[in-house]
Amino acid sequence: MKISHWGWSFFGFLIGFSPFIIFELRHHFYNLRTIFLVLKLGTNKVINSFDFYYLLFLTPFFASLFAIFFSKLLSINKILGFFLIFLYLSWAMIQIYNFRFQPLGLPKGWNYLGQKK
């Protein structure tokens, strides 16, 4: 990988995280100080689950990895590559159309009408 690719990757990272960086600068590094405070003092709160949205910031990284993987796979074996892409798209469509309109991990009725009631 060329150095210019690393430079563009770093530039993209800066652009993507610029809202977070600006927030941290404007609020005197609030999030970082909070993390260090929790690590230093600890907490008595028990974490029962780990929700998926804690990992959403990694989406561009995983998308890049999948793109690299599939481009390499398609250059080696086109049939297998297209088959795996077809399987993924089929799985994604099933997930979309089986959506139950109930947020994952929230109690039943936790929506606007439930809140209003």
PDB file of N, CA and C in Angstrom:
ATOM      1  N   MET A   1       0.846  -1.174   0.000  1.00  0.00           N
ATOM      2  CA  MET A   1       0.000   0.000   0.000  1.00  0.00           C
ATOM      3  C   MET A   1       0.891   1.237   0.000  1.00  0.00           C
ATOM      4  N   LYS A   2       0.590   2.168  -0.856  1.00  0.00           N
ATOM      5  CA  LYS A   2       1.400   3.374  -0.977  1.00  0.00           C
ATOM      6  C   LYS A   2       1.171   4.310   0.204  1.00  0.00           C
ATOM      7  N   ILE A   3       2.140   5.190   0.396  1.00  0.00           N
ATOM      8  CA  ILE A   3       2.039   6.166   1.484  1.00  0.00           C
ATOM      9  C   ILE A   3       0.876   7.116   1.236  1.00  0.00           C
ATOM     10  N   SER A   4       0.598   7.423  -0.017  1.00  0.00           N
ATOM     11  CA  SER A   4      -0.518   8.326  -0.306  1.00  0.00           C
ATOM     12  C   SER A   4      -1.851   7.710   0.122  1.00  0.00           C
ATOM     13  N   HIS A   5      -1.967   6.376   0.045  1.00  0.00           N
ATOM     14  CA  HIS A   5      -3.191   5.709   0.496  1.00  0.00           C
ATOM     15  C   HIS A   5      -3.363   5.899   2.000  1.00  0.00           C
ATOM     16  N   TRP A   6      -2.251   5.784   2.736  1.00  0.00           N
ATOM     17  CA  TRP A   6      -2.315   5.993   4.187  1.00  0.00           C
ATOM     18  C   TRP A   6      -2.686   7.438   4.482  1.00  0.00           C
ATOM     19  N   GLY A   7      -2.156   8.349   3.711  1.00  0.00           N
ATOM     20  CA  GLY A   7      -2.486   9.761   3.912  1.00  0.00           C
ATOM     21  C   GLY A   7      -3.959  10.043   3.680  1.00  0.00           C
ATOM     22  N   TRP A   8      -4.510   9.469   2.609  1.00  0.00           N
ATOM     23  CA  TRP A   8      -5.932   9.653   2.338  1.00  0.00           C
ATOM     24  C   TRP A   8      -6.782   8.979   3.404  1.00  0.00           C
ATOM     25  N   SER A   9      -6.335   7.820   3.887  1.00  0.00           N
ATOM     26  CA  SER A   9      -7.075   7.140   4.956  1.00  0.00           C
ATOM     27  C   SER A   9      -7.087   7.989   6.216  1.00  0.00           C
ATOM     28  N   PHE A  10      -5.942   8.567   6.564  1.00  0.00           N
ATOM     29  CA  PHE A  10      -5.871   9.421   7.741  1.00  0.00           C
ATOM     30  C   PHE A  10      -6.737  10.668   7.563  1.00  0.00           C
ATOM     31  N   PHE A  11      -6.716  11.250   6.359  1.00  0.00           N
ATOM     32  CA  PHE A  11      -7.544  12.414   6.068  1.00  0.00           C
ATOM     33  C   PHE A  11      -9.031  12.068   6.189  1.00  0.00           C
ATOM     34  N   GLY A  12      -9.424  10.910   5.674  1.00  0.00           N
ATOM     35  CA  GLY A  12     -10.812  10.467   5.799  1.00  0.00           C
ATOM     36  C   GLY A  12     -11.206  10.237   7.246  1.00  0.00           C
ATOM     37  N   PHE A  13     -10.285   9.676   8.026  1.00  0.00           N
ATOM     38  CA  PHE A  13     -10.532   9.477   9.451  1.00  0.00           C
ATOM     39  C   PHE A  13     -10.751  10.820  10.144  1.00  0.00           C
ATOM     40  N   LEU A  14      -9.905  11.801   9.826  1.00  0.00           N
ATOM     41  CA  LEU A  14     -10.058  13.130  10.434  1.00  0.00           C
ATOM     42  C   LEU A  14     -11.386  13.776  10.053  1.00  0.00           C
ATOM     43  N   ILE A  15     -11.762  13.662   8.800  1.00  0.00           N
ATOM     44  CA  ILE A  15     -13.035  14.244   8.355  1.00  0.00           C
ATOM     45  C   ILE A  15     -14.199  13.529   9.039  1.00  0.00           C
ATOM     46  N   GLY A  16     -14.129  12.207   9.115  1.00  0.00           N
ATOM     47  CA  GLY A  16     -15.214  11.444   9.732  1.00  0.00           C
ATOM     48  C   GLY A  16     -15.373  11.717  11.220  1.00  0.00           C
ATOM     49  N   PHE A  17     -14.271  11.895  11.901  1.00  0.00           N
ATOM     50  CA  PHE A  17     -14.323  12.123  13.341  1.00  0.00           C
ATOM     51  C   PHE A  17     -14.256  13.598  13.707  1.00  0.00           C
ATOM     52  N   SER A  18     -14.306  14.485  12.731  1.00  0.00           N
ATOM     53  CA  SER A  18     -14.206  15.913  13.031  1.00  0.00           C
ATOM     54  C   SER A  18     -15.323  16.414  13.945  1.00  0.00           C
ATOM     55  N   PRO A  19     -16.585  15.960  13.820  1.00  0.00           N
ATOM     56  CA  PRO A  19     -17.589  16.430  14.782  1.00  0.00           C
ATOM     57  C   PRO A  19     -17.234  16.034  16.221  1.00  0.00           C
ATOM     58  N   PHE A  20     -16.752  14.832  16.406  1.00  0.00           N
ATOM     59  CA  PHE A  20     -16.358  14.383  17.740  1.00  0.00           C
ATOM     60  C   PHE A  20     -15.163  15.185  18.254  1.00  0.00           C
ATOM     61  N   ILE A  21     -14.191  15.409  17.388  1.00  0.00           N
ATOM     62  CA  ILE A  21     -12.999  16.165  17.782  1.00  0.00           C
ATOM     63  C   ILE A  21     -13.374  17.604  18.141  1.00  0.00           C
ATOM     64  N   ILE A  22     -14.243  18.218  17.350  1.00  0.00           N
ATOM     65  CA  ILE A  22     -14.682  19.589  17.635  1.00  0.00           C
ATOM     66  C   ILE A  22     -15.452  19.634  18.954  1.00  0.00           C
ATOM     67  N   PHE A  23     -16.331  18.653  19.181  1.00  0.00           N
ATOM     68  CA  PHE A  23     -17.065  18.593  20.443  1.00  0.00           C
ATOM     69  C   PHE A  23     -16.101  18.495  21.616  1.00  0.00           C
ATOM     70  N   GLU A  24     -15.113  17.625  21.510  1.00  0.00           N
ATOM     71  CA  GLU A  24     -14.144  17.452  22.588  1.00  0.00           C
ATOM     72  C   GLU A  24     -13.375  18.739  22.847  1.00  0.00           C
ATOM     73  N   LEU A  25     -12.968  19.433  21.800  1.00  0.00           N
ATOM     74  CA  LEU A  25     -12.227  20.684  21.968  1.00  0.00           C
ATOM     75  C   LEU A  25     -13.101  21.776  22.587  1.00  0.00           C
ATOM     76  N   ARG A  26     -14.343  21.868  22.159  1.00  0.00           N
ATOM     77  CA  ARG A  26     -15.235  22.917  22.669  1.00  0.00           C
ATOM     78  C   ARG A  26     -15.657  22.668  24.112  1.00  0.00           C
ATOM     79  N   HIS A  27     -15.718  21.392  24.520  1.00  0.00           N
ATOM     80  CA  HIS A  27     -16.183  21.056  25.871  1.00  0.00           C
ATOM     81  C   HIS A  27     -15.048  20.574  26.768  1.00  0.00           C
ATOM     82  N   HIS A  28     -13.829  20.996  26.460  1.00  0.00           N
ATOM     83  CA  HIS A  28     -12.654  20.712  27.292  1.00  0.00           C
ATOM     84  C   HIS A  28     -12.473  19.210  27.529  1.00  0.00           C
ATOM     85  N   PHE A  29     -12.590  18.429  26.472  1.00  0.00           N
ATOM     86  CA  PHE A  29     -12.357  16.987  26.477  1.00  0.00           C
ATOM     87  C   PHE A  29     -13.247  16.265  27.493  1.00  0.00           C
ATOM     88  N   TYR A  30     -14.536  16.568  27.447  1.00  0.00           N
ATOM     89  CA  TYR A  30     -15.504  16.000  28.393  1.00  0.00           C
ATOM     90  C   TYR A  30     -15.537  14.469  28.338  1.00  0.00           C
ATOM     91  N   ASN A  31     -15.663  13.902  27.150  1.00  0.00           N
ATOM     92  CA  ASN A  31     -15.771  12.441  27.035  1.00  0.00           C
ATOM     93  C   ASN A  31     -14.499  11.751  27.502  1.00  0.00           C
ATOM     94  N   LEU A  32     -13.351  12.270  27.114  1.00  0.00           N
ATOM     95  CA  LEU A  32     -12.093  11.646  27.534  1.00  0.00           C
ATOM     96  C   LEU A  32     -11.894  11.742  29.047  1.00  0.00           C
ATOM     97  N   ARG A  33     -12.238  12.901  29.631  1.00  0.00           N
ATOM     98  CA  ARG A  33     -12.114  13.032  31.081  1.00  0.00           C
ATOM     99  C   ARG A  33     -13.071  12.087  31.803  1.00  0.00           C
ATOM    100  N   THR A  34     -14.272  11.902  31.261  1.00  0.00           N
ATOM    101  CA  THR A  34     -15.235  10.986  31.868  1.00  0.00           C
ATOM    102  C   THR A  34     -14.721   9.550  31.815  1.00  0.00           C
ATOM    103  N   ILE A  35     -14.174   9.146  30.680  1.00  0.00           N
ATOM    104  CA  ILE A  35     -13.620   7.793  30.559  1.00  0.00           C
ATOM    105  C   ILE A  35     -12.488   7.589  31.552  1.00  0.00           C
ATOM    106  N   PHE A  36     -11.577   8.567  31.648  1.00  0.00           N
ATOM    107  CA  PHE A  36     -10.461   8.432  32.589  1.00  0.00           C
ATOM    108  C   PHE A  36     -10.953   8.420  34.033  1.00  0.00           C
ATOM    109  N   LEU A  37     -12.000   9.185  34.342  1.00  0.00           N
ATOM    110  CA  LEU A  37     -12.549   9.195  35.690  1.00  0.00           C
ATOM    111  C   LEU A  37     -13.160   7.840  36.042  1.00  0.00           C
ATOM    112  N   VAL A  38     -13.899   7.252  35.121  1.00  0.00           N
ATOM    113  CA  VAL A  38     -14.497   5.937  35.369  1.00  0.00           C
ATOM    114  C   VAL A  38     -13.407   4.883  35.512  1.00  0.00           C
ATOM    115  N   LEU A  39     -12.372   4.964  34.678  1.00  0.00           N
ATOM    116  CA  LEU A  39     -11.277   3.997  34.797  1.00  0.00           C
ATOM    117  C   LEU A  39     -10.524   4.165  36.112  1.00  0.00           C
ATOM    118  N   LYS A  40     -10.389   5.394  36.568  1.00  0.00           N
ATOM    119  CA  LYS A  40      -9.646   5.657  37.797  1.00  0.00           C
ATOM    120  C   LYS A  40     -10.451   5.268  39.034  1.00  0.00           C
ATOM    121  N   LEU A  41     -11.713   5.694  39.101  1.00  0.00           N
ATOM    122  CA  LEU A  41     -12.529   5.471  40.298  1.00  0.00           C
ATOM    123  C   LEU A  41     -13.341   4.188  40.244  1.00  0.00           C
ATOM    124  N   GLY A  42     -13.580   3.701  39.043  1.00  0.00           N
ATOM    125  CA  GLY A  42     -14.416   2.520  38.899  1.00  0.00           C
ATOM    126  C   GLY A  42     -15.886   2.896  39.003  1.00  0.00           C
ATOM    127  N   THR A  43     -16.713   1.923  38.885  1.00  0.00           N
ATOM    128  CA  THR A  43     -18.150   2.139  38.987  1.00  0.00           C
ATOM    129  C   THR A  43     -18.783   0.902  39.593  1.00  0.00           C
ATOM    130  N   ASN A  44     -19.887   1.094  40.269  1.00  0.00           N
ATOM    131  CA  ASN A  44     -20.587  -0.050  40.856  1.00  0.00           C
ATOM    132  C   ASN A  44     -21.727  -0.535  39.971  1.00  0.00           C
ATOM    133  N   LYS A  45     -21.860   0.067  38.798  1.00  0.00           N
ATOM    134  CA  LYS A  45     -22.912  -0.330  37.867  1.00  0.00           C
ATOM    135  C   LYS A  45     -22.505  -1.608  37.150  1.00  0.00           C
ATOM    136  N   VAL A  46     -23.427  -2.549  37.085  1.00  0.00           N
ATOM    137  CA  VAL A  46     -23.183  -3.815  36.401  1.00  0.00           C
ATOM    138  C   VAL A  46     -23.721  -3.706  34.984  1.00  0.00           C
ATOM    139  N   ILE A  47     -22.891  -4.044  34.020  1.00  0.00           N
ATOM    140  CA  ILE A  47     -23.303  -4.012  32.620  1.00  0.00           C
ATOM    141  C   ILE A  47     -23.815  -5.408  32.255  1.00  0.00           C
ATOM    142  N   ASN A  48     -25.110  -5.486  31.958  1.00  0.00           N
ATOM    143  CA  ASN A  48     -25.728  -6.779  31.652  1.00  0.00           C
ATOM    144  C   ASN A  48     -25.634  -7.152  30.186  1.00  0.00           C
ATOM    145  N   SER A  49     -25.604  -6.165  29.334  1.00  0.00           N
ATOM    146  CA  SER A  49     -25.580  -6.471  27.912  1.00  0.00           C
ATOM    147  C   SER A  49     -24.685  -5.473  27.196  1.00  0.00           C
ATOM    148  N   PHE A  50     -24.325  -5.827  25.999  1.00  0.00           N
ATOM    149  CA  PHE A  50     -23.510  -4.948  25.165  1.00  0.00           C
ATOM    150  C   PHE A  50     -24.277  -4.735  23.878  1.00  0.00           C
ATOM    151  N   ASP A  51     -24.856  -3.561  23.735  1.00  0.00           N
ATOM    152  CA  ASP A  51     -25.699  -3.281  22.580  1.00  0.00           C
ATOM    153  C   ASP A  51     -24.859  -2.999  21.349  1.00  0.00           C
ATOM    154  N   PHE A  52     -25.444  -3.309  20.188  1.00  0.00           N
ATOM    155  CA  PHE A  52     -24.720  -3.204  18.923  1.00  0.00           C
ATOM    156  C   PHE A  52     -24.328  -1.768  18.597  1.00  0.00           C
ATOM    157  N   TYR A  53     -25.079  -0.782  19.063  1.00  0.00           N
ATOM    158  CA  TYR A  53     -24.791   0.587  18.653  1.00  0.00           C
ATOM    159  C   TYR A  53     -23.496   1.122  19.252  1.00  0.00           C
ATOM    160  N   TYR A  54     -22.923   0.408  20.216  1.00  0.00           N
ATOM    161  CA  TYR A  54     -21.611   0.811  20.721  1.00  0.00           C
ATOM    162  C   TYR A  54     -20.519   0.596  19.671  1.00  0.00           C
ATOM    163  N   LEU A  55     -20.795  -0.222  18.672  1.00  0.00           N
ATOM    164  CA  LEU A  55     -19.807  -0.530  17.638  1.00  0.00           C
ATOM    165  C   LEU A  55     -20.098   0.142  16.303  1.00  0.00           C
ATOM    166  N   LEU A  56     -21.088   1.017  16.248  1.00  0.00           N
ATOM    167  CA  LEU A  56     -21.449   1.636  14.975  1.00  0.00           C
ATOM    168  C   LEU A  56     -20.341   2.505  14.398  1.00  0.00           C
ATOM    169  N   PHE A  57     -19.466   3.044  15.241  1.00  0.00           N
ATOM    170  CA  PHE A  57     -18.391   3.881  14.725  1.00  0.00           C
ATOM    171  C   PHE A  57     -17.401   3.062  13.899  1.00  0.00           C
ATOM    172  N   LEU A  58     -17.423   1.740  14.031  1.00  0.00           N
ATOM    173  CA  LEU A  58     -16.525   0.877  13.263  1.00  0.00           C
ATOM    174  C   LEU A  58     -17.078   0.510  11.888  1.00  0.00           C
ATOM    175  N   THR A  59     -18.267   0.970  11.562  1.00  0.00           N
ATOM    176  CA  THR A  59     -18.901   0.619  10.293  1.00  0.00           C
ATOM    177  C   THR A  59     -18.038   0.948   9.082  1.00  0.00           C
ATOM    178  N   PRO A  60     -17.455   2.147   8.970  1.00  0.00           N
ATOM    179  CA  PRO A  60     -16.613   2.410   7.794  1.00  0.00           C
ATOM    180  C   PRO A  60     -15.404   1.472   7.714  1.00  0.00           C
ATOM    181  N   PHE A  61     -14.831   1.134   8.844  1.00  0.00           N
ATOM    182  CA  PHE A  61     -13.687   0.229   8.860  1.00  0.00           C
ATOM    183  C   PHE A  61     -14.086  -1.157   8.343  1.00  0.00           C
ATOM    184  N   PHE A  62     -15.206  -1.693   8.850  1.00  0.00           N
ATOM    185  CA  PHE A  62     -15.651  -3.006   8.395  1.00  0.00           C
ATOM    186  C   PHE A  62     -16.096  -2.977   6.935  1.00  0.00           C
ATOM    187  N   ALA A  63     -16.713  -1.891   6.497  1.00  0.00           N
ATOM    188  CA  ALA A  63     -17.109  -1.763   5.090  1.00  0.00           C
ATOM    189  C   ALA A  63     -15.875  -1.782   4.194  1.00  0.00           C
ATOM    190  N   SER A  64     -14.815  -1.112   4.617  1.00  0.00           N
ATOM    191  CA  SER A  64     -13.568  -1.125   3.837  1.00  0.00           C
ATOM    192  C   SER A  64     -12.967  -2.525   3.792  1.00  0.00           C
ATOM    193  N   LEU A  65     -12.971  -3.208   4.930  1.00  0.00           N
ATOM    194  CA  LEU A  65     -12.439  -4.579   4.954  1.00  0.00           C
ATOM    195  C   LEU A  65     -13.236  -5.502   4.040  1.00  0.00           C
ATOM    196  N   PHE A  66     -14.572  -5.395   4.092  1.00  0.00           N
ATOM    197  CA  PHE A  66     -15.399  -6.236   3.228  1.00  0.00           C
ATOM    198  C   PHE A  66     -15.161  -5.913   1.760  1.00  0.00           C
ATOM    199  N   ALA A  67     -15.004  -4.637   1.431  1.00  0.00           N
ATOM    200  CA  ALA A  67     -14.752  -4.245   0.044  1.00  0.00           C
ATOM    201  C   ALA A  67     -13.425  -4.813  -0.441  1.00  0.00           C
ATOM    202  N   ILE A  68     -12.402  -4.733   0.382  1.00  0.00           N
ATOM    203  CA  ILE A  68     -11.089  -5.298   0.009  1.00  0.00           C
ATOM    204  C   ILE A  68     -11.196  -6.803  -0.139  1.00  0.00           C
ATOM    205  N   PHE A  69     -11.883  -7.454   0.815  1.00  0.00           N
ATOM    206  CA  PHE A  69     -12.034  -8.906   0.768  1.00  0.00           C
ATOM    207  C   PHE A  69     -12.750  -9.339  -0.507  1.00  0.00           C
ATOM    208  N   PHE A  70     -13.884  -8.690  -0.815  1.00  0.00           N
ATOM    209  CA  PHE A  70     -14.642  -9.102  -1.989  1.00  0.00           C
ATOM    210  C   PHE A  70     -13.931  -8.761  -3.290  1.00  0.00           C
ATOM    211  N   SER A  71     -13.177  -7.679  -3.341  1.00  0.00           N
ATOM    212  CA  SER A  71     -12.431  -7.379  -4.569  1.00  0.00           C
ATOM    213  C   SER A  71     -11.342  -8.425  -4.801  1.00  0.00           C
ATOM    214  N   LYS A  72     -10.666  -8.848  -3.729  1.00  0.00           N
ATOM    215  CA  LYS A  72      -9.655  -9.910  -3.857  1.00  0.00           C
ATOM    216  C   LYS A  72     -10.309 -11.227  -4.252  1.00  0.00           C
ATOM    217  N   LEU A  73     -11.453 -11.535  -3.611  1.00  0.00           N
ATOM    218  CA  LEU A  73     -12.147 -12.787  -3.909  1.00  0.00           C
ATOM    219  C   LEU A  73     -12.648 -12.805  -5.345  1.00  0.00           C
ATOM    220  N   LEU A  74     -13.184 -11.693  -5.828  1.00  0.00           N
ATOM    221  CA  LEU A  74     -13.670 -11.643  -7.206  1.00  0.00           C
ATOM    222  C   LEU A  74     -12.535 -11.769  -8.212  1.00  0.00           C
ATOM    223  N   SER A  75     -11.346 -11.278  -7.862  1.00  0.00           N
ATOM    224  CA  SER A  75     -10.217 -11.427  -8.785  1.00  0.00           C
ATOM    225  C   SER A  75      -9.714 -12.865  -8.808  1.00  0.00           C
ATOM    226  N   ILE A  76      -9.938 -13.618  -7.733  1.00  0.00           N
ATOM    227  CA  ILE A  76      -9.495 -15.020  -7.678  1.00  0.00           C
ATOM    228  C   ILE A  76     -10.560 -15.958  -8.235  1.00  0.00           C
ATOM    229  N   ASN A  77     -11.805 -15.838  -7.725  1.00  0.00           N
ATOM    230  CA  ASN A  77     -12.872 -16.746  -8.113  1.00  0.00           C
ATOM    231  C   ASN A  77     -14.176 -15.958  -8.203  1.00  0.00           C
ATOM    232  N   LYS A  78     -14.591 -15.631  -9.418  1.00  0.00           N
ATOM    233  CA  LYS A  78     -15.772 -14.801  -9.613  1.00  0.00           C
ATOM    234  C   LYS A  78     -17.056 -15.496  -9.182  1.00  0.00           C
ATOM    235  N   ILE A  79     -17.164 -16.779  -9.436  1.00  0.00           N
ATOM    236  CA  ILE A  79     -18.396 -17.503  -9.099  1.00  0.00           C
ATOM    237  C   ILE A  79     -18.601 -17.516  -7.591  1.00  0.00           C
ATOM    238  N   LEU A  80     -17.565 -17.858  -6.838  1.00  0.00           N
ATOM    239  CA  LEU A  80     -17.665 -17.874  -5.382  1.00  0.00           C
ATOM    240  C   LEU A  80     -17.939 -16.473  -4.837  1.00  0.00           C
ATOM    241  N   GLY A  81     -17.287 -15.465  -5.399  1.00  0.00           N
ATOM    242  CA  GLY A  81     -17.503 -14.088  -4.964  1.00  0.00           C
ATOM    243  C   GLY A  81     -18.936 -13.638  -5.174  1.00  0.00           C
ATOM    244  N   PHE A  82     -19.481 -13.885  -6.359  1.00  0.00           N
ATOM    245  CA  PHE A  82     -20.863 -13.501  -6.627  1.00  0.00           C
ATOM    246  C   PHE A  82     -21.832 -14.308  -5.774  1.00  0.00           C
ATOM    247  N   PHE A  83     -21.525 -15.569  -5.517  1.00  0.00           N
ATOM    248  CA  PHE A  83     -22.377 -16.392  -4.669  1.00  0.00           C
ATOM    249  C   PHE A  83     -22.418 -15.832  -3.240  1.00  0.00           C
ATOM    250  N   LEU A  84     -21.275 -15.450  -2.700  1.00  0.00           N
ATOM    251  CA  LEU A  84     -21.244 -14.890  -1.350  1.00  0.00           C
ATOM    252  C   LEU A  84     -21.952 -13.536  -1.287  1.00  0.00           C
ATOM    253  N   ILE A  85     -21.799 -12.721  -2.322  1.00  0.00           N
ATOM    254  CA  ILE A  85     -22.510 -11.444  -2.360  1.00  0.00           C
ATOM    255  C   ILE A  85     -24.016 -11.690  -2.425  1.00  0.00           C
ATOM    256  N   PHE A  86     -24.427 -12.665  -3.234  1.00  0.00           N
ATOM    257  CA  PHE A  86     -25.853 -13.011  -3.321  1.00  0.00           C
ATOM    258  C   PHE A  86     -26.374 -13.496  -1.975  1.00  0.00           C
ATOM    259  N   LEU A  87     -25.614 -14.334  -1.275  1.00  0.00           N
ATOM    260  CA  LEU A  87     -26.034 -14.809   0.044  1.00  0.00           C
ATOM    261  C   LEU A  87     -26.178 -13.653   1.028  1.00  0.00           C
ATOM    262  N   TYR A  88     -25.219 -12.746   1.012  1.00  0.00           N
ATOM    263  CA  TYR A  88     -25.287 -11.603   1.922  1.00  0.00           C
ATOM    264  C   TYR A  88     -26.501 -10.729   1.619  1.00  0.00           C
ATOM    265  N   LEU A  89     -26.734 -10.425   0.347  1.00  0.00           N
ATOM    266  CA  LEU A  89     -27.882  -9.589  -0.008  1.00  0.00           C
ATOM    267  C   LEU A  89     -29.201 -10.271   0.345  1.00  0.00           C
ATOM    268  N   SER A  90     -29.270 -11.596   0.158  1.00  0.00           N
ATOM    269  CA  SER A  90     -30.475 -12.335   0.537  1.00  0.00           C
ATOM    270  C   SER A  90     -30.700 -12.259   2.038  1.00  0.00           C
ATOM    271  N   TRP A  91     -29.641 -12.467   2.805  1.00  0.00           N
ATOM    272  CA  TRP A  91     -29.755 -12.380   4.264  1.00  0.00           C
ATOM    273  C   TRP A  91     -30.180 -10.974   4.693  1.00  0.00           C
ATOM    274  N   ALA A  92     -29.616  -9.940   4.068  1.00  0.00           N
ATOM    275  CA  ALA A  92     -29.955  -8.562   4.418  1.00  0.00           C
ATOM    276  C   ALA A  92     -31.426  -8.274   4.118  1.00  0.00           C
ATOM    277  N   MET A  93     -31.920  -8.757   2.986  1.00  0.00           N
ATOM    278  CA  MET A  93     -33.325  -8.529   2.645  1.00  0.00           C
ATOM    279  C   MET A  93     -34.254  -9.236   3.626  1.00  0.00           C
ATOM    280  N   ILE A  94     -33.907 -10.449   4.038  1.00  0.00           N
ATOM    281  CA  ILE A  94     -34.710 -11.164   5.028  1.00  0.00           C
ATOM    282  C   ILE A  94     -34.731 -10.390   6.337  1.00  0.00           C
ATOM    283  N   GLN A  95     -33.586  -9.859   6.750  1.00  0.00           N
ATOM    284  CA  GLN A  95     -33.527  -9.080   7.986  1.00  0.00           C
ATOM    285  C   GLN A  95     -34.375  -7.819   7.892  1.00  0.00           C
ATOM    286  N   ILE A  96     -34.357  -7.167   6.748  1.00  0.00           N
ATOM    287  CA  ILE A  96     -35.126  -5.937   6.589  1.00  0.00           C
ATOM    288  C   ILE A  96     -36.626  -6.229   6.618  1.00  0.00           C
ATOM    289  N   TYR A  97     -37.062  -7.248   5.895  1.00  0.00           N
ATOM    290  CA  TYR A  97     -38.492  -7.509   5.805  1.00  0.00           C
ATOM    291  C   TYR A  97     -39.053  -8.249   7.008  1.00  0.00           C
ATOM    292  N   ASN A  98     -38.217  -8.794   7.873  1.00  0.00           N
ATOM    293  CA  ASN A  98     -38.688  -9.413   9.114  1.00  0.00           C
ATOM    294  C   ASN A  98     -38.633  -8.446  10.286  1.00  0.00           C
ATOM    295  N   PHE A  99     -38.416  -7.178  10.022  1.00  0.00           N
ATOM    296  CA  PHE A  99     -38.346  -6.170  11.076  1.00  0.00           C
ATOM    297  C   PHE A  99     -39.709  -6.072  11.748  1.00  0.00           C
ATOM    298  N   ARG A 100     -39.733  -6.124  13.066  1.00  0.00           N
ATOM    299  CA  ARG A 100     -40.994  -6.200  13.805  1.00  0.00           C
ATOM    300  C   ARG A 100     -41.490  -4.842  14.305  1.00  0.00           C
ATOM    301  N   PHE A 101     -40.870  -3.765  13.963  1.00  0.00           N
ATOM    302  CA  PHE A 101     -41.225  -2.430  14.421  1.00  0.00           C
ATOM    303  C   PHE A 101     -41.166  -2.306  15.936  1.00  0.00           C
ATOM    304  N   GLN A 102     -40.413  -3.158  16.583  1.00  0.00           N
ATOM    305  CA  GLN A 102     -40.179  -3.077  18.014  1.00  0.00           C
ATOM    306  C   GLN A 102     -38.674  -2.955  18.213  1.00  0.00           C
ATOM    307  N   PRO A 103     -38.208  -1.864  18.781  1.00  0.00           N
ATOM    308  CA  PRO A 103     -36.767  -1.706  18.966  1.00  0.00           C
ATOM    309  C   PRO A 103     -36.171  -2.837  19.796  1.00  0.00           C
ATOM    310  N   LEU A 104     -35.027  -3.313  19.366  1.00  0.00           N
ATOM    311  CA  LEU A 104     -34.375  -4.424  20.023  1.00  0.00           C
ATOM    312  C   LEU A 104     -33.935  -4.037  21.430  1.00  0.00           C
ATOM    313  N   GLY A 105     -34.299  -4.855  22.404  1.00  0.00           N
ATOM    314  CA  GLY A 105     -33.849  -4.632  23.768  1.00  0.00           C
ATOM    315  C   GLY A 105     -34.732  -3.712  24.592  1.00  0.00           C
ATOM    316  N   LEU A 106     -35.778  -3.136  24.003  1.00  0.00           N
ATOM    317  CA  LEU A 106     -36.662  -2.248  24.749  1.00  0.00           C
ATOM    318  C   LEU A 106     -37.952  -2.971  25.107  1.00  0.00           C
ATOM    319  N   PRO A 107     -38.613  -2.557  26.190  1.00  0.00           N
ATOM    320  CA  PRO A 107     -39.855  -3.229  26.585  1.00  0.00           C
ATOM    321  C   PRO A 107     -40.961  -3.038  25.556  1.00  0.00           C
ATOM    322  N   LYS A 108     -41.917  -3.954  25.591  1.00  0.00           N
ATOM    323  CA  LYS A 108     -43.032  -3.902  24.647  1.00  0.00           C
ATOM    324  C   LYS A 108     -43.848  -2.632  24.876  1.00  0.00           C
ATOM    325  N   GLY A 109     -44.235  -1.980  23.798  1.00  0.00           N
ATOM    326  CA  GLY A 109     -45.001  -0.754  23.888  1.00  0.00           C
ATOM    327  C   GLY A 109     -44.142   0.485  24.056  1.00  0.00           C
ATOM    328  N   TRP A 110     -42.843   0.350  23.956  1.00  0.00           N
ATOM    329  CA  TRP A 110     -41.959   1.500  24.116  1.00  0.00           C
ATOM    330  C   TRP A 110     -41.850   2.205  22.773  1.00  0.00           C
ATOM    331  N   ASN A 111     -42.832   3.004  22.495  1.00  0.00           N
ATOM    332  CA  ASN A 111     -42.856   3.813  21.287  1.00  0.00           C
ATOM    333  C   ASN A 111     -43.603   5.100  21.608  1.00  0.00           C
ATOM    334  N   TYR A 112     -43.877   5.884  20.611  1.00  0.00           N
ATOM    335  CA  TYR A 112     -44.517   7.175  20.846  1.00  0.00           C
ATOM    336  C   TYR A 112     -45.878   7.007  21.524  1.00  0.00           C
ATOM    337  N   LEU A 113     -46.697   6.102  21.009  1.00  0.00           N
ATOM    338  CA  LEU A 113     -48.037   5.925  21.590  1.00  0.00           C
ATOM    339  C   LEU A 113     -47.941   5.371  23.009  1.00  0.00           C
ATOM    340  N   GLY A 114     -47.005   4.465  23.258  1.00  0.00           N
ATOM    341  CA  GLY A 114     -46.818   3.936  24.606  1.00  0.00           C
ATOM    342  C   GLY A 114     -46.357   5.008  25.574  1.00  0.00           C
ATOM    343  N   GLN A 115     -45.497   5.892  25.130  1.00  0.00           N
ATOM    344  CA  GLN A 115     -45.050   7.001  25.955  1.00  0.00           C
ATOM    345  C   GLN A 115     -46.183   7.977  26.231  1.00  0.00           C
ATOM    346  N   LYS A 116     -46.976   8.234  25.203  1.00  0.00           N
ATOM    347  CA  LYS A 116     -48.074   9.172  25.355  1.00  0.00           C
ATOM    348  C   LYS A 116     -49.115   8.653  26.338  1.00  0.00           C
ATOM    349  N   LYS A 117     -49.365   7.325  26.296  1.00  0.00           N
ATOM    350  CA  LYS A 117     -50.335   6.707  27.201  1.00  0.00           C
ATOM    351  C   LYS A 117     -49.851   6.799  28.631  1.00  0.00           C
TER     352      LYS A 117
END
